Amino acid sequence: MQVGFIGLGRMGHAMASRVLAADHDLVVWNRTRAKAEDLGVPVASSVAEACAGREVVITMLADDAALEEVVLGAGGMRDSLAEGAIHLAMGTYGVAVVQKLAAAHREAGQVLVSAPVLGRPDVAAEGQLGIVAAGPAEAVERCRPLFDAIGRRTFAGGERPEGATAVKLANNFALGCAIETMGEAFALVRKYGIEPQVFYEVLTEGLFSAPAYTVYGKIIADEDYERVGFTVNLALKDVDLILAAADLAEVPLAGAHTYRERLLEAVEHGEGDHDWAVMAGEQARASGLR
């Protein structure tokens, strides 16, 4: 396929590498050009150039503002994609911006497929991400070779692009609450003099053997918060999107407020660039353990 890729942070770079390894014709663009040059593919000089002649253009951008600028700004994707081309948005964005951009693409004769990913950069590098894809069925199917290159499984999010957004935000909500809960549990056993590794084994070799517990539980047990997969600052962005989506749907999410406070505490302590598992470190601090 003729593919463009916009946004080459840790996740985007790993995902673009998978697209390239699957022998797709790839052109990339990144605001910081140096991050794009080591892939060994053409580096576009602008968003418009990254869209020229492309069947699908993937975006993996940090937040709603960056996405909206790339799509709707002067020389952006809406003005540059060919009629019938697909914008495959694979980052985590808000419901409102996804709805807005879907309408803008539709008016231009283009298609938005929302396909946020589930996993950390190391998982992306191995092509083992989960993908939640939503949009017109024909467009989603056209993207299937890209999903197969990037991920281990694609979950159906329905025909409305914001459906995938809702699933991804709900997933991040559940994961954030799990990290907060583990932080409290580890703090409790540590106050009784139990080694964190012991509780980690109890936790992960019992009822909670899923990656959310094995990966993040290990980070918490080792207090290895500077080994970053997903930062506190990005997690704050996501929890605000989660709460905005909940407000739109009139769904109370008490747990989201709890872990948002932990994230804010981490920022106040200068740990905004640490892994978001440092929420557990904030719980340890509150418990007199740190």
Protein backbone atom coordinates (compact mmCIF):
# COMPACT_ATOMS: atom_id res chain seq x y z
CA MET A 1 0.00 0.00 0.00
CA GLN A 2 0.99 3.64 -0.46
CA VAL A 3 1.22 4.78 3.17
CA GLY A 4 2.07 8.04 4.90
CA PHE A 5 2.98 8.18 8.59
CA ILE A 6 2.81 11.35 10.68
CA GLY A 7 4.15 11.43 14.25
CA LEU A 8 7.31 9.51 15.17
CA GLY A 9 7.54 9.52 18.94
CA ARG A 10 8.37 6.29 20.76
CA MET A 11 5.13 4.58 19.71
CA GLY A 12 4.96 6.07 16.23
CA HIS A 13 8.55 5.16 15.39
CA ALA A 14 8.02 1.54 16.45
CA MET A 15 4.76 1.31 14.49
CA ALA A 16 6.25 2.89 11.36
CA SER A 17 9.05 0.31 11.52
CA ARG A 18 6.45 -2.46 11.44
CA VAL A 19 4.70 -0.91 8.42
CA LEU A 20 8.06 -0.71 6.64
CA ALA A 21 8.93 -4.31 7.52
CA ALA A 22 5.69 -5.43 5.87
CA ASP A 23 6.94 -3.96 2.55
CA HIS A 24 4.48 -1.10 2.28
CA ASP A 25 5.59 2.01 0.37
CA LEU A 26 6.17 4.43 3.24
CA VAL A 27 6.69 8.19 3.47
CA VAL A 28 6.99 9.82 6.90
CA TRP A 29 6.75 13.26 8.43
CA ASN A 30 7.60 14.44 11.92
CA ARG A 31 7.84 17.92 13.39
CA THR A 32 11.39 17.08 14.50
CA ARG A 33 12.92 15.75 11.30
CA ALA A 34 15.84 13.97 13.01
CA LYS A 35 13.45 11.44 14.57
CA ALA A 36 12.37 10.35 11.10
CA GLU A 37 15.67 10.03 9.29
CA ASP A 38 16.88 6.73 10.75
CA LEU A 39 14.01 4.73 9.23
CA GLY A 40 15.66 4.83 5.81
CA VAL A 41 12.50 5.96 3.98
CA PRO A 42 11.62 9.26 2.28
CA VAL A 43 11.04 12.03 4.81
CA ALA A 44 8.41 14.52 3.65
CA SER A 45 9.09 18.21 4.08
CA SER A 46 5.47 18.93 5.01
CA VAL A 47 2.18 17.30 5.97
CA ALA A 48 0.93 17.95 2.45
CA GLU A 49 3.90 16.08 0.95
CA ALA A 50 3.32 13.16 3.34
CA CYS A 51 -0.26 12.92 2.03
CA ALA A 52 0.47 13.25 -1.69
CA GLY A 53 -0.49 10.08 -3.56
CA ARG A 54 -1.06 8.10 -0.36
CA GLU A 55 -3.94 5.61 0.01
CA VAL A 56 -3.73 5.74 3.81
CA VAL A 57 -2.04 8.23 6.10
CA ILE A 58 -1.50 7.14 9.72
CA THR A 59 -1.28 9.69 12.52
CA MET A 60 0.28 8.93 15.90
CA LEU A 61 0.28 12.31 17.63
CA ALA A 62 0.47 13.26 21.29
CA ASP A 63 -2.82 15.07 21.82
CA ASP A 64 -5.98 16.57 20.35
CA ALA A 65 -4.38 19.94 19.63
CA ALA A 66 -1.56 18.41 17.58
CA LEU A 67 -3.99 16.20 15.68
CA GLU A 68 -6.37 19.04 14.89
CA GLU A 69 -3.52 21.23 13.66
CA VAL A 70 -2.17 18.48 11.38
CA VAL A 71 -5.60 17.79 9.91
CA LEU A 72 -7.27 21.20 9.77
CA GLY A 73 -4.31 23.61 9.71
CA ALA A 74 -3.09 25.31 6.54
CA GLY A 75 -1.73 22.66 4.21
CA GLY A 76 -3.09 19.95 6.50
CA MET A 77 -4.48 16.52 5.80
CA ARG A 78 -8.02 17.63 4.96
CA ASP A 79 -6.66 19.87 2.20
CA SER A 80 -4.02 17.40 1.02
CA LEU A 81 -5.46 13.87 1.00
CA ALA A 82 -6.94 12.62 -2.25
CA GLU A 83 -10.65 11.96 -2.48
CA GLY A 84 -11.34 8.50 -1.10
CA ALA A 85 -8.10 8.37 0.87
CA ILE A 86 -8.13 7.22 4.49
CA HIS A 87 -6.86 9.02 7.55
CA LEU A 88 -6.02 6.26 10.02
CA ALA A 89 -5.86 7.93 13.45
CA MET A 90 -4.08 5.55 15.83
CA GLY A 91 -3.36 7.77 18.82
CA THR A 92 -5.55 8.35 21.86
CA TYR A 93 -7.80 11.34 21.29
CA GLY A 94 -11.01 12.80 22.65
CA VAL A 95 -14.49 11.88 21.44
CA ALA A 96 -15.30 15.45 20.41
CA VAL A 97 -12.23 15.93 18.22
CA VAL A 98 -12.71 12.55 16.55
CA GLN A 99 -16.31 13.47 15.70
CA LYS A 100 -15.18 16.87 14.39
CA LEU A 101 -12.44 15.43 12.19
CA ALA A 102 -14.67 12.63 10.88
CA ALA A 103 -17.11 15.30 9.67
CA ALA A 104 -14.31 17.38 8.12
CA HIS A 105 -12.92 14.40 6.20
CA ARG A 106 -16.39 13.36 5.08
CA GLU A 107 -17.03 16.84 3.64
CA ALA A 108 -13.74 16.58 1.71
CA GLY A 109 -14.62 13.14 0.32
CA GLN A 110 -12.12 11.38 2.58
CA VAL A 111 -12.60 8.80 5.33
CA LEU A 112 -11.55 8.76 8.98
CA VAL A 113 -10.83 5.41 10.60
CA SER A 114 -10.11 5.63 14.33
CA ALA A 115 -7.82 2.82 15.47
CA PRO A 116 -6.17 3.55 18.83
CA VAL A 117 -3.66 0.98 20.00
CA LEU A 118 -3.26 -0.98 23.23
CA GLY A 119 0.27 -1.56 24.50
CA ARG A 120 3.62 0.03 25.29
CA PRO A 121 6.45 0.93 22.84
CA ASP A 122 8.30 -2.36 23.37
CA VAL A 123 5.13 -4.24 22.44
CA ALA A 124 4.72 -2.01 19.37
CA ALA A 125 8.25 -2.85 18.23
CA GLU A 126 7.34 -6.54 18.26
CA GLY A 127 4.12 -6.01 16.28
CA GLN A 128 2.04 -7.23 19.21
CA LEU A 129 -0.23 -4.25 19.88
CA GLY A 130 -3.96 -4.60 20.28
CA ILE A 131 -5.89 -2.33 17.91
CA VAL A 132 -9.47 -1.10 18.25
CA ALA A 133 -10.71 -0.06 14.80
CA ALA A 134 -13.88 1.89 14.01
CA GLY A 135 -15.20 3.56 10.91
CA PRO A 136 -16.96 2.65 7.66
CA ALA A 137 -16.63 -1.11 7.21
CA GLU A 138 -15.05 -0.91 3.74
CA ALA A 139 -12.40 1.55 4.93
CA VAL A 140 -11.58 -0.54 8.00
CA GLU A 141 -11.13 -3.59 5.77
CA ARG A 142 -8.81 -1.65 3.43
CA CYS A 143 -6.62 -0.95 6.46
CA ARG A 144 -6.43 -4.62 7.44
CA PRO A 145 -2.92 -5.20 6.02
CA LEU A 146 -1.66 -2.33 8.18
CA PHE A 147 -3.37 -3.68 11.28
CA ASP A 148 -1.80 -7.08 10.59
CA ALA A 149 1.64 -5.47 10.33
CA ILE A 150 1.31 -3.45 13.52
CA GLY A 151 -0.72 -5.62 15.88
CA ARG A 152 -1.52 -9.09 17.14
CA ARG A 153 -5.31 -8.59 17.10
CA THR A 154 -7.81 -6.04 15.85
CA PHE A 155 -11.01 -5.48 17.80
CA ALA A 156 -14.16 -4.19 16.07
CA GLY A 157 -15.24 -0.78 17.37
CA GLY A 158 -18.23 -0.27 15.09
CA GLU A 159 -18.93 2.06 12.16
CA ARG A 160 -18.63 5.34 14.07
CA PRO A 161 -15.00 6.39 14.61
CA GLU A 162 -15.70 7.64 18.14
CA GLY A 163 -16.64 4.06 19.11
CA ALA A 164 -12.98 3.03 19.06
CA THR A 165 -12.13 6.16 21.04
CA ALA A 166 -14.63 5.20 23.74
CA VAL A 167 -13.17 1.68 23.98
CA LYS A 168 -9.60 2.98 24.27
CA LEU A 169 -10.52 5.54 26.92
CA ALA A 170 -12.45 2.92 28.90
CA ASN A 171 -9.44 0.60 28.67
CA ASN A 172 -7.10 3.32 29.96
CA PHE A 173 -9.54 4.11 32.74
CA ALA A 174 -9.57 0.48 33.87
CA LEU A 175 -5.76 0.28 33.66
CA GLY A 176 -5.27 3.53 35.57
CA CYS A 177 -7.55 2.29 38.34
CA ALA A 178 -5.63 -1.01 38.42
CA ILE A 179 -2.32 0.82 38.88
CA GLU A 180 -3.79 3.00 41.63
CA THR A 181 -5.21 -0.09 43.39
CA MET A 182 -1.89 -1.93 43.14
CA GLY A 183 -0.11 1.10 44.56
CA GLU A 184 -2.39 1.05 47.60
CA ALA A 185 -2.01 -2.72 48.02
CA PHE A 186 1.80 -2.63 47.77
CA ALA A 187 1.92 0.22 50.29
CA LEU A 188 -0.17 -1.79 52.75
CA VAL A 189 2.05 -4.89 52.69
CA ARG A 190 5.23 -2.81 52.81
CA LYS A 191 4.00 -1.13 56.00
CA TYR A 192 3.94 -4.62 57.52
CA GLY A 193 7.52 -5.32 56.48
CA ILE A 194 6.72 -7.59 53.53
CA GLU A 195 9.11 -7.52 50.59
CA PRO A 196 7.36 -6.08 47.49
CA GLN A 197 8.57 -9.01 45.36
CA VAL A 198 6.67 -11.45 47.59
CA PHE A 199 3.42 -9.58 47.12
CA TYR A 200 4.11 -9.26 43.39
CA GLU A 201 4.30 -13.06 43.14
CA VAL A 202 1.14 -13.51 45.21
CA LEU A 203 -0.64 -11.00 42.98
CA THR A 204 0.49 -12.28 39.59
CA GLU A 205 0.52 -16.00 40.27
CA GLY A 206 -2.98 -15.93 41.69
CA LEU A 207 -6.02 -14.20 40.26
CA PHE A 208 -4.20 -11.37 38.47
CA SER A 209 -1.90 -12.88 35.84
CA ALA A 210 -2.82 -10.49 32.99
CA PRO A 211 -0.17 -8.15 31.52
CA ALA A 212 -1.65 -5.14 33.31
CA TYR A 213 -0.66 -6.72 36.61
CA THR A 214 2.52 -8.55 35.60
CA VAL A 215 4.05 -5.55 33.79
CA TYR A 216 2.94 -2.74 36.06
CA GLY A 217 3.14 -4.83 39.22
CA LYS A 218 6.82 -5.48 38.48
CA ILE A 219 7.49 -1.78 37.92
CA ILE A 220 5.82 -0.99 41.25
CA ALA A 221 7.62 -3.78 43.13
CA ASP A 222 10.98 -2.58 41.80
CA GLU A 223 10.03 1.11 42.05
CA ASP A 224 11.46 1.37 38.54
CA TYR A 225 9.51 4.48 37.53
CA GLU A 226 12.20 5.97 35.30
CA ARG A 227 11.90 3.07 32.83
CA VAL A 228 9.26 4.86 30.83
CA GLY A 229 6.65 3.33 28.58
CA PHE A 230 3.88 5.88 29.09
CA THR A 231 4.51 9.11 30.93
CA VAL A 232 2.58 10.79 33.72
CA ASN A 233 2.01 13.81 31.47
CA LEU A 234 0.45 11.66 28.75
CA ALA A 235 -1.64 9.82 31.34
CA LEU A 236 -2.95 13.18 32.59
CA LYS A 237 -3.95 14.06 29.05
CA ASP A 238 -5.79 10.73 28.76
CA VAL A 239 -7.60 10.93 32.07
CA ASP A 240 -8.91 14.36 31.11
CA LEU A 241 -10.19 12.84 27.86
CA ILE A 242 -11.75 10.00 29.86
CA LEU A 243 -13.56 12.43 32.15
CA ALA A 244 -14.71 14.53 29.18
CA ALA A 245 -16.13 11.42 27.47
CA ALA A 246 -17.83 10.42 30.73
CA ASP A 247 -19.38 13.86 31.06
CA LEU A 248 -20.75 13.69 27.50
CA ALA A 249 -22.34 10.32 28.24
CA GLU A 250 -23.40 11.30 31.79
CA VAL A 251 -21.42 8.45 33.35
CA PRO A 252 -19.88 9.05 36.81
CA LEU A 253 -16.29 7.73 37.11
CA ALA A 254 -15.20 8.23 40.70
CA GLY A 255 -12.05 6.15 40.25
CA ALA A 256 -10.77 8.41 37.49
CA HIS A 257 -10.72 11.38 39.86
CA THR A 258 -8.69 9.36 42.38
CA TYR A 259 -5.90 8.40 40.03
CA ARG A 260 -5.93 11.84 38.41
CA GLU A 261 -5.02 13.27 41.81
CA ARG A 262 -2.10 10.84 42.08
CA LEU A 263 -0.87 11.92 38.65
CA LEU A 264 -1.07 15.59 39.65
CA GLU A 265 0.92 14.81 42.80
CA ALA A 266 3.61 13.17 40.66
CA VAL A 267 3.84 16.28 38.48
CA GLU A 268 4.14 18.45 41.60
CA HIS A 269 7.08 16.29 42.70
CA GLY A 270 8.85 16.73 39.35
CA GLU A 271 7.96 13.28 37.99
CA GLY A 272 5.84 14.24 35.00
CA ASP A 273 8.25 12.45 32.65
CA HIS A 274 8.32 9.26 34.73
CA ASP A 275 6.23 6.21 33.87
CA TRP A 276 2.65 6.64 35.02
CA ALA A 277 3.10 3.68 37.36
CA VAL A 278 4.71 6.29 39.64
CA MET A 279 1.16 6.76 40.91
CA ALA A 280 2.14 3.89 43.19
CA GLY A 281 5.16 5.90 44.30
CA GLU A 282 2.83 8.73 45.29
CA GLN A 283 0.81 6.27 47.34
CA ALA A 284 4.06 5.09 48.98
CA ARG A 285 4.94 8.70 49.75
CA ALA A 286 1.51 9.30 51.28
CA SER A 287 2.05 6.17 53.38
CA GLY A 288 5.41 7.36 54.72
CA LEU A 289 7.38 4.82 52.68
CA ARG A 290 9.10 7.18 50.27
